[in-house]
C-alpha atoms as a PDB file:
ATOM      1  CA  MET A   1     -13.030  20.609  -7.715  1.00  0.00           C
ATOM      2  CA  ARG A   2     -12.281  17.133  -6.321  1.00  0.00           C
ATOM      3  CA  LYS A   3     -15.193  14.721  -6.273  1.00  0.00           C
ATOM      4  CA  THR A   4     -16.696  14.405  -2.836  1.00  0.00           C
ATOM      5  CA  GLN A   5     -16.805  10.601  -3.006  1.00  0.00           C
ATOM      6  CA  ALA A   6     -13.021  10.337  -3.413  1.00  0.00           C
ATOM      7  CA  TYR A   7     -11.195  10.197  -0.121  1.00  0.00           C
ATOM      8  CA  LYS A   8      -7.578  10.725   0.787  1.00  0.00           C
ATOM      9  CA  GLU A   9      -5.726   7.499   1.519  1.00  0.00           C
ATOM     10  CA  ILE A  10      -3.181   7.848   4.289  1.00  0.00           C
ATOM     11  CA  THR A  11      -0.510   5.367   3.324  1.00  0.00           C
ATOM     12  CA  PRO A  12       1.643   3.649   5.969  1.00  0.00           C
ATOM     13  CA  LEU A  13       4.860   4.970   4.400  1.00  0.00           C
ATOM     14  CA  THR A  14       7.038   6.951   6.788  1.00  0.00           C
ATOM     15  CA  GLU A  15       9.597   9.641   6.029  1.00  0.00           C
ATOM     16  CA  HIS A  16      12.331   7.014   6.531  1.00  0.00           C
ATOM     17  CA  ASP A  17      10.986   4.642   3.839  1.00  0.00           C
ATOM     18  CA  CYS A  18      11.882   4.793   0.152  1.00  0.00           C
ATOM     19  CA  PHE A  19       8.855   2.835  -1.012  1.00  0.00           C
ATOM     20  CA  MET A  20       6.363   0.125  -0.139  1.00  0.00           C
ATOM     21  CA  ILE A  21       5.438  -3.005  -2.101  1.00  0.00           C
ATOM     22  CA  PHE A  22       2.104  -4.735  -1.473  1.00  0.00           C
ATOM     23  CA  SER A  23       1.668  -8.097  -3.185  1.00  0.00           C
ATOM     24  CA  ARG A  24      -1.370 -10.341  -2.895  1.00  0.00           C
ATOM     25  CA  VAL A  25      -3.853 -12.626  -4.637  1.00  0.00           C
ATOM     26  CA  LYS A  26      -7.481 -11.621  -4.103  1.00  0.00           C
ATOM     27  CA  SER A  27     -10.975 -12.413  -5.328  1.00  0.00           C
ATOM     28  CA  ASN A  28     -12.354  -8.909  -5.893  1.00  0.00           C
ATOM     29  CA  PHE A  29     -11.677  -5.176  -5.816  1.00  0.00           C
ATOM     30  CA  ASN A  30     -12.977  -3.503  -2.671  1.00  0.00           C
ATOM     31  CA  PHE A  31     -10.996  -0.267  -2.317  1.00  0.00           C
ATOM     32  CA  PRO A  32     -13.023   2.918  -3.014  1.00  0.00           C
ATOM     33  CA  LEU A  33     -12.142   5.873  -5.246  1.00  0.00           C
ATOM     34  CA  HIS A  34      -9.212   7.583  -3.571  1.00  0.00           C
ATOM     35  CA  TYR A  35      -6.036   9.615  -3.919  1.00  0.00           C
ATOM     36  CA  HIS A  36      -2.855   9.989  -1.868  1.00  0.00           C
ATOM     37  CA  GLU A  37       0.360  11.988  -1.640  1.00  0.00           C
ATOM     38  CA  GLU A  38       2.559   9.238  -3.119  1.00  0.00           C
ATOM     39  CA  TYR A  39       3.222   7.925  -6.615  1.00  0.00           C
ATOM     40  CA  GLU A  40       1.678   4.514  -7.234  1.00  0.00           C
ATOM     41  CA  LEU A  41       2.669   1.877  -9.788  1.00  0.00           C
ATOM     42  CA  ASN A  42      -0.036  -0.785  -9.921  1.00  0.00           C
ATOM     43  CA  PHE A  43       0.355  -4.120 -11.710  1.00  0.00           C
ATOM     44  CA  ILE A  44      -2.744  -6.329 -12.030  1.00  0.00           C
ATOM     45  CA  MET A  45      -2.989  -9.775 -13.617  1.00  0.00           C
ATOM     46  CA  ASN A  46      -6.026 -12.029 -14.267  1.00  0.00           C
ATOM     47  CA  ALA A  47      -8.645  -9.288 -13.899  1.00  0.00           C
ATOM     48  CA  ALA A  48     -10.012  -9.004 -17.441  1.00  0.00           C
ATOM     49  CA  GLY A  49     -13.328  -7.155 -17.427  1.00  0.00           C
ATOM     50  CA  ALA A  50     -12.562  -5.062 -14.364  1.00  0.00           C
ATOM     51  CA  ARG A  51     -13.082  -1.324 -14.739  1.00  0.00           C
ATOM     52  CA  ARG A  52     -10.394   1.270 -14.109  1.00  0.00           C
ATOM     53  CA  ILE A  53     -11.120   4.914 -13.296  1.00  0.00           C
ATOM     54  CA  VAL A  54      -8.241   7.407 -13.329  1.00  0.00           C
ATOM     55  CA  GLY A  55      -9.259  11.048 -13.124  1.00  0.00           C
ATOM     56  CA  ASP A  56     -11.997  11.496 -15.728  1.00  0.00           C
ATOM     57  CA  HIS A  57     -10.914   8.434 -17.727  1.00  0.00           C
ATOM     58  CA  VAL A  58     -12.964   5.229 -17.517  1.00  0.00           C
ATOM     59  CA  GLU A  59     -11.917   1.986 -19.202  1.00  0.00           C
ATOM     60  CA  ASP A  60     -12.389  -1.779 -18.928  1.00  0.00           C
ATOM     61  CA  ILE A  61      -9.058  -3.562 -18.544  1.00  0.00           C
ATOM     62  CA  ASP A  62      -7.503  -6.670 -20.075  1.00  0.00           C
ATOM     63  CA  ASP A  63      -5.843  -9.561 -18.251  1.00  0.00           C
ATOM     64  CA  LEU A  64      -2.594  -7.559 -17.888  1.00  0.00           C
ATOM     65  CA  GLU A  65      -2.627  -4.056 -16.431  1.00  0.00           C
ATOM     66  CA  LEU A  66       0.125  -1.620 -15.427  1.00  0.00           C
ATOM     67  CA  VAL A  67      -0.660   1.971 -14.475  1.00  0.00           C
ATOM     68  CA  LEU A  68       1.328   4.786 -12.867  1.00  0.00           C
ATOM     69  CA  VAL A  69      -0.458   7.608 -11.076  1.00  0.00           C
ATOM     70  CA  ALA A  70       1.082  10.702  -9.528  1.00  0.00           C
ATOM     71  CA  PRO A  71       0.200  12.240  -6.149  1.00  0.00           C
ATOM     72  CA  SER A  72      -3.406  13.486  -5.846  1.00  0.00           C
ATOM     73  CA  VAL A  73      -4.672  11.583  -8.913  1.00  0.00           C
ATOM     74  CA  GLU A  74      -8.027   9.963  -8.132  1.00  0.00           C
ATOM     75  CA  HIS A  75      -8.124   6.281  -9.076  1.00  0.00           C
ATOM     76  CA  VAL A  76      -9.954   3.045  -8.440  1.00  0.00           C
ATOM     77  CA  TRP A  77     -10.407  -0.451  -9.896  1.00  0.00           C
ATOM     78  CA  LEU A  78     -13.912  -1.964  -9.809  1.00  0.00           C
ATOM     79  CA  ASP A  79     -15.072  -5.569 -10.320  1.00  0.00           C
ATOM     80  CA  HIS A  80     -17.475  -4.624 -13.142  1.00  0.00           C
ATOM     81  CA  HIS A  81     -17.421  -7.698 -15.468  1.00  0.00           C
ATOM     82  CA  CYS A  82     -14.403  -9.385 -13.879  1.00  0.00           C
ATOM     83  CA  ARG A  83     -15.205 -12.957 -12.839  1.00  0.00           C
ATOM     84  CA  SER A  84     -11.736 -14.071 -11.766  1.00  0.00           C
ATOM     85  CA  LYS A  85     -11.261 -15.182  -8.155  1.00  0.00           C
ATOM     86  CA  LYS A  86      -7.461 -15.201  -8.393  1.00  0.00           C
ATOM     87  CA  ILE A  87      -6.544 -11.622  -9.176  1.00  0.00           C
ATOM     88  CA  THR A  88      -2.832 -10.942  -8.697  1.00  0.00           C
ATOM     89  CA  GLU A  89      -1.956  -7.397  -7.676  1.00  0.00           C
ATOM     90  CA  VAL A  90       1.422  -5.805  -6.976  1.00  0.00           C
ATOM     91  CA  THR A  91       1.196  -2.214  -5.768  1.00  0.00           C
ATOM     92  CA  ILE A  92       4.280  -0.038  -5.343  1.00  0.00           C
ATOM     93  CA  GLN A  93       3.922   3.301  -3.594  1.00  0.00           C
ATOM     94  CA  PHE A  94       6.807   5.734  -3.273  1.00  0.00           C
ATOM     95  CA  HIS A  95       7.326   9.261  -2.003  1.00  0.00           C
ATOM     96  CA  ALA A  96       7.107  12.154  -4.428  1.00  0.00           C
ATOM     97  CA  GLN A  97      10.508  13.214  -3.091  1.00  0.00           C
ATOM     98  CA  LEU A  98      12.165   9.828  -3.713  1.00  0.00           C
ATOM     99  CA  LEU A  99      14.064  11.511  -6.548  1.00  0.00           C
ATOM    100  CA  ASP A 100      14.960  15.118  -5.795  1.00  0.00           C
ATOM    101  CA  ALA A 101      13.765  17.756  -8.271  1.00  0.00           C
ATOM    102  CA  LYS A 102      17.347  18.878  -8.908  1.00  0.00           C
ATOM    103  CA  LEU A 103      18.380  15.299  -9.637  1.00  0.00           C
ATOM    104  CA  LEU A 104      15.490  14.872 -12.079  1.00  0.00           C
ATOM    105  CA  ARG A 105      16.779  17.843 -14.078  1.00  0.00           C
ATOM    106  CA  ARG A 106      19.934  15.906 -14.977  1.00  0.00           C
ATOM    107  CA  ASN A 107      20.112  14.741 -18.584  1.00  0.00           C
ATOM    108  CA  GLN A 108      20.301  11.062 -17.652  1.00  0.00           C
ATOM    109  CA  LEU A 109      16.980  11.268 -15.784  1.00  0.00           C
ATOM    110  CA  SER A 110      15.060  13.319 -18.343  1.00  0.00           C
ATOM    111  CA  PHE A 111      12.920  10.335 -19.376  1.00  0.00           C
ATOM    112  CA  ILE A 112      11.920   9.585 -15.775  1.00  0.00           C
ATOM    113  CA  ARG A 113      11.119  13.273 -15.280  1.00  0.00           C
ATOM    114  CA  SER A 114       8.790  13.142 -18.290  1.00  0.00           C
ATOM    115  CA  LEU A 115       7.267   9.924 -16.956  1.00  0.00           C
ATOM    116  CA  PHE A 116       6.444  11.608 -13.645  1.00  0.00           C
ATOM    117  CA  GLU A 117       5.017  14.651 -15.405  1.00  0.00           C
ATOM    118  CA  ASN A 118       2.711  12.486 -17.522  1.00  0.00           C
ATOM    119  CA  ALA A 119       1.688  10.530 -14.411  1.00  0.00           C
ATOM    120  CA  SER A 120      -0.174  13.650 -13.241  1.00  0.00           C
ATOM    121  CA  LYS A 121      -2.882  12.469 -15.649  1.00  0.00           C
ATOM    122  CA  GLY A 122      -2.284   8.773 -15.011  1.00  0.00           C
ATOM    123  CA  ILE A 123      -0.496   6.625 -17.595  1.00  0.00           C
ATOM    124  CA  SER A 124      -1.073   3.091 -18.860  1.00  0.00           C
ATOM    125  CA  PHE A 125       1.641   0.901 -20.379  1.00  0.00           C
ATOM    126  CA  SER A 126       1.399  -1.333 -23.443  1.00  0.00           C
ATOM    127  CA  ARG A 127       1.001  -5.086 -23.236  1.00  0.00           C
ATOM    128  CA  GLU A 128       4.476  -5.503 -24.719  1.00  0.00           C
ATOM    129  CA  THR A 129       5.973  -3.403 -21.937  1.00  0.00           C
ATOM    130  CA  ILE A 130       4.001  -5.202 -19.232  1.00  0.00           C
ATOM    131  CA  VAL A 131       5.143  -8.620 -20.460  1.00  0.00           C
ATOM    132  CA  ALA A 132       8.749  -7.387 -20.414  1.00  0.00           C
ATOM    133  CA  VAL A 133       8.694  -6.026 -16.833  1.00  0.00           C
ATOM    134  CA  LYS A 134       6.241  -8.531 -15.318  1.00  0.00           C
ATOM    135  CA  PRO A 135       8.913 -10.957 -13.970  1.00  0.00           C
ATOM    136  CA  ARG A 136      10.778  -8.071 -12.356  1.00  0.00           C
ATOM    137  CA  LEU A 137       7.645  -6.662 -10.720  1.00  0.00           C
ATOM    138  CA  LEU A 138       6.737 -10.085  -9.323  1.00  0.00           C
ATOM    139  CA  ALA A 139      10.294 -10.551  -8.036  1.00  0.00           C
ATOM    140  CA  LEU A 140      10.663  -7.083  -6.512  1.00  0.00           C
ATOM    141  CA  PRO A 141       8.912  -7.973  -3.202  1.00  0.00           C
ATOM    142  CA  HIS A 142      11.613 -10.600  -2.626  1.00  0.00           C
ATOM    143  CA  LYS A 143      14.512  -8.163  -2.975  1.00  0.00           C
ATOM    144  CA  THR A 144      15.842  -6.225   0.004  1.00  0.00           C
ATOM    145  CA  GLY A 145      17.808  -3.135   0.866  1.00  0.00           C
ATOM    146  CA  PHE A 146      19.720  -1.123  -1.690  1.00  0.00           C
ATOM    147  CA  ASP A 147      19.253  -3.788  -4.375  1.00  0.00           C
ATOM    148  CA  SER A 148      15.503  -3.232  -4.288  1.00  0.00           C
ATOM    149  CA  VAL A 149      15.934   0.559  -4.595  1.00  0.00           C
ATOM    150  CA  LEU A 150      18.200   0.138  -7.623  1.00  0.00           C
ATOM    151  CA  GLU A 151      15.758  -2.319  -9.186  1.00  0.00           C
ATOM    152  CA  LEU A 152      12.800   0.037  -8.735  1.00  0.00           C
ATOM    153  CA  LEU A 153      14.750   2.893 -10.337  1.00  0.00           C
ATOM    154  CA  SER A 154      15.751   0.565 -13.179  1.00  0.00           C
ATOM    155  CA  ILE A 155      12.129  -0.464 -13.714  1.00  0.00           C
ATOM    156  CA  LEU A 156      11.015   3.181 -13.740  1.00  0.00           C
ATOM    157  CA  HIS A 157      13.711   4.012 -16.275  1.00  0.00           C
ATOM    158  CA  ASP A 158      12.694   1.135 -18.551  1.00  0.00           C
ATOM    159  CA  LEU A 159       9.062   2.204 -18.307  1.00  0.00           C
ATOM    160  CA  SER A 160      10.013   5.794 -19.123  1.00  0.00           C
ATOM    161  CA  ILE A 161      11.633   4.785 -22.437  1.00  0.00           C
ATOM    162  CA  SER A 162       9.009   2.207 -23.373  1.00  0.00           C
ATOM    163  CA  ARG A 163       6.777   2.626 -26.416  1.00  0.00           C
ATOM    164  CA  ASN A 164       3.054   3.310 -26.651  1.00  0.00           C
ATOM    165  CA  ILE A 165       2.583   4.942 -23.249  1.00  0.00           C
ATOM    166  CA  ARG A 166      -1.004   6.190 -22.962  1.00  0.00           C
ATOM    167  CA  VAL A 167      -1.972   9.258 -20.954  1.00  0.00           C
ATOM    168  CA  LEU A 168      -5.356   8.564 -19.398  1.00  0.00           C
ATOM    169  CA  SER A 169      -7.084  11.597 -17.856  1.00  0.00           C
ATOM    170  CA  SER A 170      -7.815  14.710 -19.902  1.00  0.00           C
ATOM    171  CA  ALA A 171      -6.501  17.040 -17.203  1.00  0.00           C
ATOM    172  CA  PRO A 172      -3.739  16.796 -14.603  1.00  0.00           C
ATOM    173  CA  ALA A 173      -4.697  16.304 -10.995  1.00  0.00           C
ATOM    174  CA  GLU A 174      -4.888  19.298  -8.728  1.00  0.00           C
ATOM    175  CA  SER A 175      -1.594  19.740  -6.949  1.00  0.00           C
ATOM    176  CA  LEU A 176      -1.707  18.809  -3.319  1.00  0.00           C
ATOM    177  CA  ASN A 177      -0.981  21.613  -0.911  1.00  0.00           C
ATOM    178  CA  THR A 178       2.688  21.757  -0.048  1.00  0.00           C
ATOM    179  CA  TYR A 179       3.918  22.977   3.281  1.00  0.00           C
ATOM    180  CA  ASN A 180       6.277  25.462   1.643  1.00  0.00           C
ATOM    181  CA  SER A 181       6.485  27.679   4.683  1.00  0.00           C
ATOM    182  CA  ARG A 182       9.378  26.856   7.001  1.00  0.00           C
ATOM    183  CA  ARG A 183       7.092  27.344   9.990  1.00  0.00           C
ATOM    184  CA  ILE A 184       4.593  24.848   8.623  1.00  0.00           C
ATOM    185  CA  GLU A 185       7.413  22.402   7.901  1.00  0.00           C
ATOM    186  CA  LYS A 186       8.665  22.851  11.449  1.00  0.00           C
ATOM    187  CA  ALA A 187       5.155  22.328  12.861  1.00  0.00           C
ATOM    188  CA  PHE A 188       4.627  19.115  10.875  1.00  0.00           C
ATOM    189  CA  GLU A 189       8.068  17.827  11.775  1.00  0.00           C
ATOM    190  CA  TYR A 190       7.169  18.304  15.434  1.00  0.00           C
ATOM    191  CA  MET A 191       3.841  16.489  14.994  1.00  0.00           C
ATOM    192  CA  GLN A 192       5.607  13.617  13.218  1.00  0.00           C
ATOM    193  CA  GLN A 193       8.097  13.296  16.071  1.00  0.00           C
ATOM    194  CA  HIS A 194       5.534  13.550  18.896  1.00  0.00           C
ATOM    195  CA  PHE A 195       2.368  12.059  17.359  1.00  0.00           C
ATOM    196  CA  ASP A 196       2.181   9.488  20.184  1.00  0.00           C
ATOM    197  CA  LYS A 197       1.882  12.224  22.811  1.00  0.00           C
ATOM    198  CA  ASP A 198      -0.916  14.586  23.766  1.00  0.00           C
ATOM    199  CA  ILE A 199       0.092  17.536  21.572  1.00  0.00           C
ATOM    200  CA  GLY A 200      -1.880  20.733  22.046  1.00  0.00           C
ATOM    201  CA  LEU A 201      -2.176  23.709  19.728  1.00  0.00           C
ATOM    202  CA  ASN A 202      -0.646  25.981  22.389  1.00  0.00           C
ATOM    203  CA  GLU A 203       2.394  23.728  22.711  1.00  0.00           C
ATOM    204  CA  LEU A 204       2.866  23.553  18.940  1.00  0.00           C
ATOM    205  CA  ALA A 205       2.418  27.305  18.530  1.00  0.00           C
ATOM    206  CA  LYS A 206       5.092  27.957  21.131  1.00  0.00           C
ATOM    207  CA  HIS A 207       7.444  25.577  19.317  1.00  0.00           C
ATOM    208  CA  VAL A 208       7.154  27.560  16.046  1.00  0.00           C
ATOM    209  CA  ASN A 209       7.001  31.001  17.691  1.00  0.00           C
ATOM    210  CA  MET A 210       3.447  31.829  16.675  1.00  0.00           C
ATOM    211  CA  THR A 211       0.241  32.547  18.553  1.00  0.00           C
ATOM    212  CA  PRO A 212      -2.217  29.624  18.659  1.00  0.00           C
ATOM    213  CA  VAL A 213      -4.795  31.581  16.650  1.00  0.00           C
ATOM    214  CA  SER A 214      -2.265  32.520  13.961  1.00  0.00           C
ATOM    215  CA  LEU A 215      -0.920  28.973  13.701  1.00  0.00           C
ATOM    216  CA  SER A 216      -4.415  27.511  13.459  1.00  0.00           C
ATOM    217  CA  ARG A 217      -5.307  29.893  10.628  1.00  0.00           C
ATOM    218  CA  PHE A 218      -1.958  29.299   8.932  1.00  0.00           C
ATOM    219  CA  ILE A 219      -2.368  25.511   8.927  1.00  0.00           C
ATOM    220  CA  LYS A 220      -5.919  25.809   7.617  1.00  0.00           C
ATOM    221  CA  LYS A 221      -4.887  28.229   4.870  1.00  0.00           C
ATOM    222  CA  ARG A 222      -1.883  26.193   3.761  1.00  0.00           C
ATOM    223  CA  THR A 223      -3.325  22.670   4.013  1.00  0.00           C
ATOM    224  CA  GLY A 224      -7.098  23.051   3.935  1.00  0.00           C
ATOM    225  CA  LYS A 225      -7.298  21.145   7.238  1.00  0.00           C
ATOM    226  CA  THR A 226      -7.553  22.062  10.888  1.00  0.00           C
ATOM    227  CA  PHE A 227      -4.710  21.412  13.299  1.00  0.00           C
ATOM    228  CA  ILE A 228      -6.435  18.404  14.855  1.00  0.00           C
ATOM    229  CA  ASP A 229      -7.317  16.927  11.425  1.00  0.00           C
ATOM    230  CA  SER A 230      -3.690  17.241  10.358  1.00  0.00           C
ATOM    231  CA  LEU A 231      -2.475  15.615  13.565  1.00  0.00           C
ATOM    232  CA  ASN A 232      -5.024  12.808  13.281  1.00  0.00           C
ATOM    233  CA  GLU A 233      -3.941  12.070   9.699  1.00  0.00           C
ATOM    234  CA  ILE A 234      -0.368  11.622  10.905  1.00  0.00           C
ATOM    235  CA  ARG A 235      -1.537   9.358  13.731  1.00  0.00           C
ATOM    236  CA  ILE A 236      -3.747   7.291  11.419  1.00  0.00           C
ATOM    237  CA  GLY A 237      -0.812   6.829   9.044  1.00  0.00           C
ATOM    238  CA  HIS A 238       1.308   5.403  11.874  1.00  0.00           C
ATOM    239  CA  ALA A 239      -1.613   3.271  13.085  1.00  0.00           C
ATOM    240  CA  SER A 240      -2.013   1.811   9.567  1.00  0.00           C
ATOM    241  CA  ARG A 241       1.655   0.877   9.545  1.00  0.00           C
ATOM    242  CA  MET A 242       1.351  -0.834  12.938  1.00  0.00           C
ATOM    243  CA  LEU A 243      -1.764  -2.745  11.880  1.00  0.00           C
ATOM    244  CA  ILE A 244       0.229  -4.131   8.963  1.00  0.00           C
ATOM    245  CA  ASP A 245       3.628  -4.607  10.582  1.00  0.00           C
ATOM    246  CA  THR A 246       2.745  -5.814  14.081  1.00  0.00           C
ATOM    247  CA  THR A 247       0.444  -8.164  15.941  1.00  0.00           C
ATOM    248  CA  HIS A 248      -0.417  -5.537  18.546  1.00  0.00           C
ATOM    249  CA  SER A 249      -4.090  -5.326  19.409  1.00  0.00           C
ATOM    250  CA  VAL A 250      -6.190  -2.466  18.056  1.00  0.00           C
ATOM    251  CA  SER A 251      -6.392  -1.101  21.593  1.00  0.00           C
ATOM    252  CA  GLU A 252      -2.608  -1.105  21.988  1.00  0.00           C
ATOM    253  CA  ILE A 253      -2.147   0.623  18.646  1.00  0.00           C
ATOM    254  CA  CYS A 254      -4.774   3.196  19.555  1.00  0.00           C
ATOM    255  CA  TYR A 255      -2.892   4.385  22.630  1.00  0.00           C
ATOM    256  CA  GLN A 256       0.577   4.025  21.099  1.00  0.00           C
ATOM    257  CA  CYS A 257      -0.471   6.372  18.303  1.00  0.00           C
ATOM    258  CA  GLY A 258      -1.642   9.136  20.609  1.00  0.00           C
ATOM    259  CA  PHE A 259      -5.381   8.456  20.735  1.00  0.00           C
ATOM    260  CA  MET A 260      -6.758   8.598  24.238  1.00  0.00           C
ATOM    261  CA  ASN A 261     -10.052   6.858  23.510  1.00  0.00           C
ATOM    262  CA  LEU A 262     -10.622   3.580  21.621  1.00  0.00           C
ATOM    263  CA  SER A 263     -14.077   4.457  20.297  1.00  0.00           C
ATOM    264  CA  ASN A 264     -12.788   7.812  19.071  1.00  0.00           C
ATOM    265  CA  PHE A 265      -9.862   6.048  17.361  1.00  0.00           C
ATOM    266  CA  ASN A 266     -12.211   3.588  15.621  1.00  0.00           C
ATOM    267  CA  ARG A 267     -14.476   6.419  14.481  1.00  0.00           C
ATOM    268  CA  ILE A 268     -11.658   8.578  13.097  1.00  0.00           C
ATOM    269  CA  PHE A 269      -9.924   5.610  11.477  1.00  0.00           C
ATOM    270  CA  LYS A 270     -13.092   4.569   9.643  1.00  0.00           C
ATOM    271  CA  LYS A 271     -13.712   8.136   8.496  1.00  0.00           C
ATOM    272  CA  LYS A 272     -10.171   8.483   7.151  1.00  0.00           C
ATOM    273  CA  LYS A 273      -9.624   4.963   5.780  1.00  0.00           C
ATOM    274  CA  GLY A 274     -13.113   3.774   4.889  1.00  0.00           C
ATOM    275  CA  SER A 275     -12.955   0.770   7.236  1.00  0.00           C
ATOM    276  CA  THR A 276     -12.456  -0.001  10.899  1.00  0.00           C
ATOM    277  CA  PRO A 277      -8.922  -0.859  12.101  1.00  0.00           C
ATOM    278  CA  SER A 278      -9.869  -4.546  12.338  1.00  0.00           C
ATOM    279  CA  GLU A 279     -11.358  -4.548   8.833  1.00  0.00           C
ATOM    280  CA  PHE A 280      -8.284  -2.760   7.501  1.00  0.00           C
ATOM    281  CA  ARG A 281      -5.981  -5.391   8.985  1.00  0.00           C
ATOM    282  CA  LYS A 282      -8.127  -8.201   7.559  1.00  0.00           C
ATOM    283  CA  ASN A 283      -8.780  -6.705   4.119  1.00  0.00           C
ATOM    284  CA  PHE A 284      -5.194  -5.784   3.438  1.00  0.00           C
ATOM    285  CA  ALA A 285      -3.537  -8.900   4.688  1.00  0.00           C
ATOM    286  CA  GLY A 286      -0.841  -9.774   2.182  1.00  0.00           C
ATOM    287  CA  THR A 287       2.880  -9.411   1.650  1.00  0.00           C
ATOM    288  CA  ARG A 288       3.887  -5.853   2.416  1.00  0.00           C
ATOM    289  CA  THR A 289       7.527  -4.871   2.214  1.00  0.00           C
ATOM    290  CA  PHE A 290       8.856  -1.502   3.307  1.00  0.00           C
ATOM    291  CA  ILE A 291      12.166  -0.394   1.846  1.00  0.00           C
END
């Protein structure tokens, strides 16, 4: 059973992105225990004494840190004994479907496939490996387009064949629910396309040829969430992206993402993200690149 204090992070990645890079220098760790639907490669420098929690594994880190976690793996970094005020962090998040399952079965990608499988428990890389890839990780935010995609894949390959990889948690994370029903896929596709409009359950049910009651039960059974919770998560994801990518006011973003009431938007955003929209924009100011 997932710990109640861990919350689901809704990343600002869209279905059209390959990955996101977030690079910044900060004075402390302030993000709570969380999990998300994407893979995350996190490089941290100058944070000796900080504490890392991945699944059921707890460890104090050195001045160089590189960890890969798979979707749904709970993780957090805490200040603990870290006294540095110039912590460098480069976070790369990418979709679980960035590399298709059929592609990963090819012989040439067998090492990356194993890397992803081990990441279900969280994996930490050796100091030797970190020193080798550090310049490339720091340079990746400055690359663009297809070159950046090739470089990320190259980095993942080099990590997959590196020595002394440590698996962290004693058990793999629970698999996130997948919308493996075509009707559910169709429903979520519709919500993704029309999140900025006033979508009702009746309208969505008609679109997928189901009764509202049946669709509501189906979504709850397959995802563990209600229809409105699922829709709000999609809207919050788009709102997060706009808070990062644009200078639009919180009010403008609220209405452009389908929320009809600013106070309701603030309340839902804080519940889902752990901070208000304004705090989110301030706390996560840094260099974010979407590829």
